[in-house]
Amino acid sequence: MTLASAPALLFVLAACQQGEAPTSQETATQSAEGAVGPTAKPGISASDGHLVLPVVSGRPGAVYFSVRNDGPAAVKLIGVHVTGAGNAQMHKTDGGSMAAVDSLEIAPGAQVEFAPGGLHVMAFDIGESVKSSGTAELTLTFSDGDKLSMPLRVETMGGDMPGGGDMPGMNH
């Protein structure tokens, strides 16, 4: 190869590139559509996710999981999405009453549990495609637009839930 042909080679190699790498938001979107596996927001992890189906069809299900912030700064969780559900919302049970949670700040080094009797996600209008012993996907959306997706085990009330599905003090 001569020095004169080097620019032409660089041009050809550059033309072979398929574009820029996807952003974390694009990857999360692809993940939610099933094209790519679960994604992770840097420094944030989620585990032990499960969706508990309602006993009575048409009622909401509940999602429980743990989320941990190992990043250097606080993050704010502002939204949730469950595949197969028409709508999902964060809620908190306190003293026997339940209220919607618009956002949740997670401090550096903190782990937050979404568990029966406390923080949880309500999954409304669950479709017929979501079946016990199957899987669904939970996508968490943060205030900076980043997302984190994780698989959910789908269970029936009282199935594999800790405490047999008992939700102390709850009156849904």
C-alpha atoms as a PDB file:
ATOM      1  CA  MET A   1       0.000   0.000   0.000  1.00  0.00           C
ATOM      2  CA  THR A   2       1.313   3.425  -0.886  1.00  0.00           C
ATOM      3  CA  LEU A   3       0.959   6.538   1.205  1.00  0.00           C
ATOM      4  CA  ALA A   4      -1.301   8.034  -1.484  1.00  0.00           C
ATOM      5  CA  SER A   5      -3.831   5.181  -1.139  1.00  0.00           C
ATOM      6  CA  ALA A   6      -4.112   5.462   2.683  1.00  0.00           C
ATOM      7  CA  PRO A   7      -6.838   8.186   2.646  1.00  0.00           C
ATOM      8  CA  ALA A   8      -8.943   6.106   0.250  1.00  0.00           C
ATOM      9  CA  LEU A   9      -8.637   3.084   2.549  1.00  0.00           C
ATOM     10  CA  LEU A  10      -9.705   5.159   5.562  1.00  0.00           C
ATOM     11  CA  PHE A  11     -12.727   6.417   3.605  1.00  0.00           C
ATOM     12  CA  VAL A  12     -13.765   2.845   2.723  1.00  0.00           C
ATOM     13  CA  LEU A  13     -13.324   1.647   6.324  1.00  0.00           C
ATOM     14  CA  ALA A  14     -15.327   4.585   7.661  1.00  0.00           C
ATOM     15  CA  ALA A  15     -18.139   3.832   5.206  1.00  0.00           C
ATOM     16  CA  CYS A  16     -18.338   0.263   6.547  1.00  0.00           C
ATOM     17  CA  GLN A  17     -19.272   1.495  10.008  1.00  0.00           C
ATOM     18  CA  GLN A  18     -22.934   0.880  10.816  1.00  0.00           C
ATOM     19  CA  GLY A  19     -23.368   4.063  12.850  1.00  0.00           C
ATOM     20  CA  GLU A  20     -22.845   4.969  16.462  1.00  0.00           C
ATOM     21  CA  ALA A  21     -23.374   2.595  19.362  1.00  0.00           C
ATOM     22  CA  PRO A  22     -26.894   2.828  20.822  1.00  0.00           C
ATOM     23  CA  THR A  23     -27.428   4.957  23.906  1.00  0.00           C
ATOM     24  CA  SER A  24     -28.497   3.301  27.155  1.00  0.00           C
ATOM     25  CA  GLN A  25     -32.020   4.599  26.544  1.00  0.00           C
ATOM     26  CA  GLU A  26     -32.118   3.067  23.045  1.00  0.00           C
ATOM     27  CA  THR A  27     -30.807  -0.223  24.428  1.00  0.00           C
ATOM     28  CA  ALA A  28     -33.458  -0.231  27.167  1.00  0.00           C
ATOM     29  CA  THR A  29     -36.138   0.442  24.572  1.00  0.00           C
ATOM     30  CA  GLN A  30     -34.847  -2.428  22.442  1.00  0.00           C
ATOM     31  CA  SER A  31     -34.817  -4.615  25.552  1.00  0.00           C
ATOM     32  CA  ALA A  32     -38.424  -3.779  26.335  1.00  0.00           C
ATOM     33  CA  GLU A  33     -39.286  -4.826  22.780  1.00  0.00           C
ATOM     34  CA  GLY A  34     -37.426  -8.120  23.205  1.00  0.00           C
ATOM     35  CA  ALA A  35     -34.604  -7.417  20.725  1.00  0.00           C
ATOM     36  CA  VAL A  36     -31.869  -7.162  23.361  1.00  0.00           C
ATOM     37  CA  GLY A  37     -31.468  -8.655  26.865  1.00  0.00           C
ATOM     38  CA  PRO A  38     -31.912  -6.751  30.146  1.00  0.00           C
ATOM     39  CA  THR A  39     -30.062  -3.464  30.379  1.00  0.00           C
ATOM     40  CA  ALA A  40     -28.419  -1.723  33.287  1.00  0.00           C
ATOM     41  CA  LYS A  41     -28.079   1.895  34.287  1.00  0.00           C
ATOM     42  CA  PRO A  42     -24.439   2.342  35.361  1.00  0.00           C
ATOM     43  CA  GLY A  43     -24.081   1.786  39.122  1.00  0.00           C
ATOM     44  CA  ILE A  44     -27.665   0.583  39.560  1.00  0.00           C
ATOM     45  CA  SER A  45     -28.728  -3.039  39.927  1.00  0.00           C
ATOM     46  CA  ALA A  46     -32.052  -4.751  40.513  1.00  0.00           C
ATOM     47  CA  SER A  47     -32.720  -8.317  41.616  1.00  0.00           C
ATOM     48  CA  ASP A  48     -35.262 -10.807  42.944  1.00  0.00           C
ATOM     49  CA  GLY A  49     -38.081  -9.518  40.753  1.00  0.00           C
ATOM     50  CA  HIS A  50     -41.427 -11.233  40.732  1.00  0.00           C
ATOM     51  CA  LEU A  51     -44.956 -10.367  39.626  1.00  0.00           C
ATOM     52  CA  VAL A  52     -47.754 -11.788  41.760  1.00  0.00           C
ATOM     53  CA  LEU A  53     -50.927 -12.292  39.757  1.00  0.00           C
ATOM     54  CA  PRO A  54     -54.256 -11.308  41.333  1.00  0.00           C
ATOM     55  CA  VAL A  55     -56.540 -14.031  42.672  1.00  0.00           C
ATOM     56  CA  VAL A  56     -59.504 -12.392  40.937  1.00  0.00           C
ATOM     57  CA  SER A  57     -59.096 -11.649  37.235  1.00  0.00           C
ATOM     58  CA  GLY A  58     -59.278  -7.935  36.459  1.00  0.00           C
ATOM     59  CA  ARG A  59     -57.748  -6.864  39.767  1.00  0.00           C
ATOM     60  CA  PRO A  60     -54.173  -5.486  39.891  1.00  0.00           C
ATOM     61  CA  GLY A  61     -51.120  -7.643  40.444  1.00  0.00           C
ATOM     62  CA  ALA A  62     -48.129  -6.669  42.563  1.00  0.00           C
ATOM     63  CA  VAL A  63     -44.428  -6.510  41.680  1.00  0.00           C
ATOM     64  CA  TYR A  64     -41.681  -6.947  44.259  1.00  0.00           C
ATOM     65  CA  PHE A  65     -37.915  -6.560  43.793  1.00  0.00           C
ATOM     66  CA  SER A  66     -34.749  -4.992  45.227  1.00  0.00           C
ATOM     67  CA  VAL A  67     -32.902  -2.064  43.670  1.00  0.00           C
ATOM     68  CA  ARG A  68     -29.408  -0.955  44.695  1.00  0.00           C
ATOM     69  CA  ASN A  69     -27.428   2.212  43.954  1.00  0.00           C
ATOM     70  CA  ASP A  70     -23.674   1.568  43.888  1.00  0.00           C
ATOM     71  CA  GLY A  71     -23.090   4.780  41.936  1.00  0.00           C
ATOM     72  CA  PRO A  72     -21.454   7.968  43.263  1.00  0.00           C
ATOM     73  CA  ALA A  73     -24.651  10.069  43.326  1.00  0.00           C
ATOM     74  CA  ALA A  74     -28.296   9.741  44.295  1.00  0.00           C
ATOM     75  CA  VAL A  75     -30.694   8.678  41.543  1.00  0.00           C
ATOM     76  CA  LYS A  76     -34.414   9.334  41.256  1.00  0.00           C
ATOM     77  CA  LEU A  77     -36.751   6.563  40.110  1.00  0.00           C
ATOM     78  CA  ILE A  78     -39.679   8.229  38.325  1.00  0.00           C
ATOM     79  CA  GLY A  79     -41.505   5.472  36.483  1.00  0.00           C
ATOM     80  CA  VAL A  80     -42.137   1.755  36.086  1.00  0.00           C
ATOM     81  CA  HIS A  81     -43.402  -0.388  33.224  1.00  0.00           C
ATOM     82  CA  VAL A  82     -44.398  -4.067  33.296  1.00  0.00           C
ATOM     83  CA  THR A  83     -44.695  -5.927  29.993  1.00  0.00           C
ATOM     84  CA  GLY A  84     -48.142  -7.431  29.644  1.00  0.00           C
ATOM     85  CA  ALA A  85     -49.764  -4.838  31.937  1.00  0.00           C
ATOM     86  CA  GLY A  86     -51.754  -1.863  30.701  1.00  0.00           C
ATOM     87  CA  ASN A  87     -50.395   0.391  33.446  1.00  0.00           C
ATOM     88  CA  ALA A  88     -47.961   0.147  36.358  1.00  0.00           C
ATOM     89  CA  GLN A  89     -47.500   2.488  39.311  1.00  0.00           C
ATOM     90  CA  MET A  90     -45.273   2.652  42.371  1.00  0.00           C
ATOM     91  CA  HIS A  91     -47.177   2.527  45.677  1.00  0.00           C
ATOM     92  CA  LYS A  92     -46.343   2.536  49.368  1.00  0.00           C
ATOM     93  CA  THR A  93     -48.290   0.939  52.178  1.00  0.00           C
ATOM     94  CA  ASP A  94     -48.059   2.790  55.484  1.00  0.00           C
ATOM     95  CA  GLY A  95     -50.207   2.067  58.515  1.00  0.00           C
ATOM     96  CA  GLY A  96     -52.738   0.043  56.540  1.00  0.00           C
ATOM     97  CA  SER A  97     -53.309   2.638  53.823  1.00  0.00           C
ATOM     98  CA  MET A  98     -51.808   2.677  50.365  1.00  0.00           C
ATOM     99  CA  ALA A  99     -50.758   5.733  48.354  1.00  0.00           C
ATOM    100  CA  ALA A 100     -49.175   6.255  44.945  1.00  0.00           C
ATOM    101  CA  VAL A 101     -45.483   7.224  44.896  1.00  0.00           C
ATOM    102  CA  ASP A 102     -44.558   9.651  42.110  1.00  0.00           C
ATOM    103  CA  SER A 103     -40.784   9.325  42.525  1.00  0.00           C
ATOM    104  CA  LEU A 104     -38.251   7.693  44.793  1.00  0.00           C
ATOM    105  CA  GLU A 105     -34.745   8.960  45.510  1.00  0.00           C
ATOM    106  CA  ILE A 106     -32.135   6.244  46.065  1.00  0.00           C
ATOM    107  CA  ALA A 107     -29.003   7.442  47.875  1.00  0.00           C
ATOM    108  CA  PRO A 108     -25.502   6.213  46.964  1.00  0.00           C
ATOM    109  CA  GLY A 109     -24.837   2.869  48.661  1.00  0.00           C
ATOM    110  CA  ALA A 110     -28.535   2.350  49.460  1.00  0.00           C
ATOM    111  CA  GLN A 111     -30.658  -0.676  48.684  1.00  0.00           C
ATOM    112  CA  VAL A 112     -34.429  -0.269  48.501  1.00  0.00           C
ATOM    113  CA  GLU A 113     -36.786  -3.211  48.892  1.00  0.00           C
ATOM    114  CA  PHE A 114     -40.109  -3.304  47.089  1.00  0.00           C
ATOM    115  CA  ALA A 115     -41.862  -5.873  49.312  1.00  0.00           C
ATOM    116  CA  PRO A 116     -45.307  -6.790  50.680  1.00  0.00           C
ATOM    117  CA  GLY A 117     -46.487  -4.266  53.270  1.00  0.00           C
ATOM    118  CA  GLY A 118     -44.202  -1.456  52.023  1.00  0.00           C
ATOM    119  CA  LEU A 119     -43.062  -0.121  48.664  1.00  0.00           C
ATOM    120  CA  HIS A 120     -44.402  -2.139  45.732  1.00  0.00           C
ATOM    121  CA  VAL A 121     -45.486  -1.755  42.120  1.00  0.00           C
ATOM    122  CA  MET A 122     -49.135  -2.238  41.203  1.00  0.00           C
ATOM    123  CA  ALA A 123     -49.629  -3.762  37.738  1.00  0.00           C
ATOM    124  CA  PHE A 124     -53.063  -2.942  36.294  1.00  0.00           C
ATOM    125  CA  ASP A 125     -54.921  -4.493  33.351  1.00  0.00           C
ATOM    126  CA  ILE A 126     -52.707  -7.570  33.148  1.00  0.00           C
ATOM    127  CA  GLY A 127     -53.136  -9.271  29.784  1.00  0.00           C
ATOM    128  CA  GLU A 128     -54.013 -12.912  29.259  1.00  0.00           C
ATOM    129  CA  SER A 129     -50.534 -13.589  27.867  1.00  0.00           C
ATOM    130  CA  VAL A 130     -49.056 -13.193  31.374  1.00  0.00           C
ATOM    131  CA  LYS A 131     -49.278 -16.621  32.993  1.00  0.00           C
ATOM    132  CA  SER A 132     -48.129 -18.135  36.276  1.00  0.00           C
ATOM    133  CA  SER A 133     -44.721 -19.845  36.018  1.00  0.00           C
ATOM    134  CA  GLY A 134     -43.858 -17.586  33.068  1.00  0.00           C
ATOM    135  CA  THR A 135     -41.853 -14.380  32.890  1.00  0.00           C
ATOM    136  CA  ALA A 136     -42.502 -10.697  32.313  1.00  0.00           C
ATOM    137  CA  GLU A 137     -40.158  -7.714  32.276  1.00  0.00           C
ATOM    138  CA  LEU A 138     -39.964  -4.717  34.599  1.00  0.00           C
ATOM    139  CA  THR A 139     -38.419  -1.501  33.280  1.00  0.00           C
ATOM    140  CA  LEU A 140     -37.428   1.227  35.746  1.00  0.00           C
ATOM    141  CA  THR A 141     -37.144   4.790  34.419  1.00  0.00           C
ATOM    142  CA  PHE A 142     -34.913   7.354  36.123  1.00  0.00           C
ATOM    143  CA  SER A 143     -35.126  11.164  36.083  1.00  0.00           C
ATOM    144  CA  ASP A 144     -32.134  11.443  33.719  1.00  0.00           C
ATOM    145  CA  GLY A 145     -33.905   9.282  31.125  1.00  0.00           C
ATOM    146  CA  ASP A 146     -31.798   6.180  31.791  1.00  0.00           C
ATOM    147  CA  LYS A 147     -33.639   2.895  32.189  1.00  0.00           C
ATOM    148  CA  LEU A 148     -32.972  -0.464  33.768  1.00  0.00           C
ATOM    149  CA  SER A 149     -34.843  -3.616  32.743  1.00  0.00           C
ATOM    150  CA  MET A 150     -35.040  -6.920  34.572  1.00  0.00           C
ATOM    151  CA  PRO A 151     -36.944 -10.192  34.238  1.00  0.00           C
ATOM    152  CA  LEU A 152     -39.835 -10.972  36.592  1.00  0.00           C
ATOM    153  CA  ARG A 153     -40.929 -14.442  37.670  1.00  0.00           C
ATOM    154  CA  VAL A 154     -44.711 -14.626  37.373  1.00  0.00           C
ATOM    155  CA  GLU A 155     -46.394 -16.256  40.388  1.00  0.00           C
ATOM    156  CA  THR A 156     -49.843 -16.743  41.846  1.00  0.00           C
ATOM    157  CA  MET A 157     -50.856 -15.228  45.181  1.00  0.00           C
ATOM    158  CA  GLY A 158     -49.475 -17.381  47.993  1.00  0.00           C
ATOM    159  CA  GLY A 159     -47.300 -19.384  45.594  1.00  0.00           C
ATOM    160  CA  ASP A 160     -43.586 -18.772  46.074  1.00  0.00           C
ATOM    161  CA  MET A 161     -44.028 -15.448  47.879  1.00  0.00           C
ATOM    162  CA  PRO A 162     -42.235 -14.932  51.201  1.00  0.00           C
ATOM    163  CA  GLY A 163     -44.717 -15.413  54.031  1.00  0.00           C
ATOM    164  CA  GLY A 164     -47.125 -17.239  51.732  1.00  0.00           C
ATOM    165  CA  GLY A 165     -48.370 -13.984  50.214  1.00  0.00           C
ATOM    166  CA  ASP A 166     -49.440 -12.381  53.491  1.00  0.00           C
ATOM    167  CA  MET A 167     -49.481  -8.583  53.271  1.00  0.00           C
ATOM    168  CA  PRO A 168     -49.693  -7.396  56.908  1.00  0.00           C
ATOM    169  CA  GLY A 169     -52.051  -4.484  57.453  1.00  0.00           C
ATOM    170  CA  MET A 170     -53.176  -4.376  53.820  1.00  0.00           C
ATOM    171  CA  ASN A 171     -56.726  -3.772  52.730  1.00  0.00           C
ATOM    172  CA  HIS A 172     -56.669  -3.519  48.909  1.00  0.00           C
END
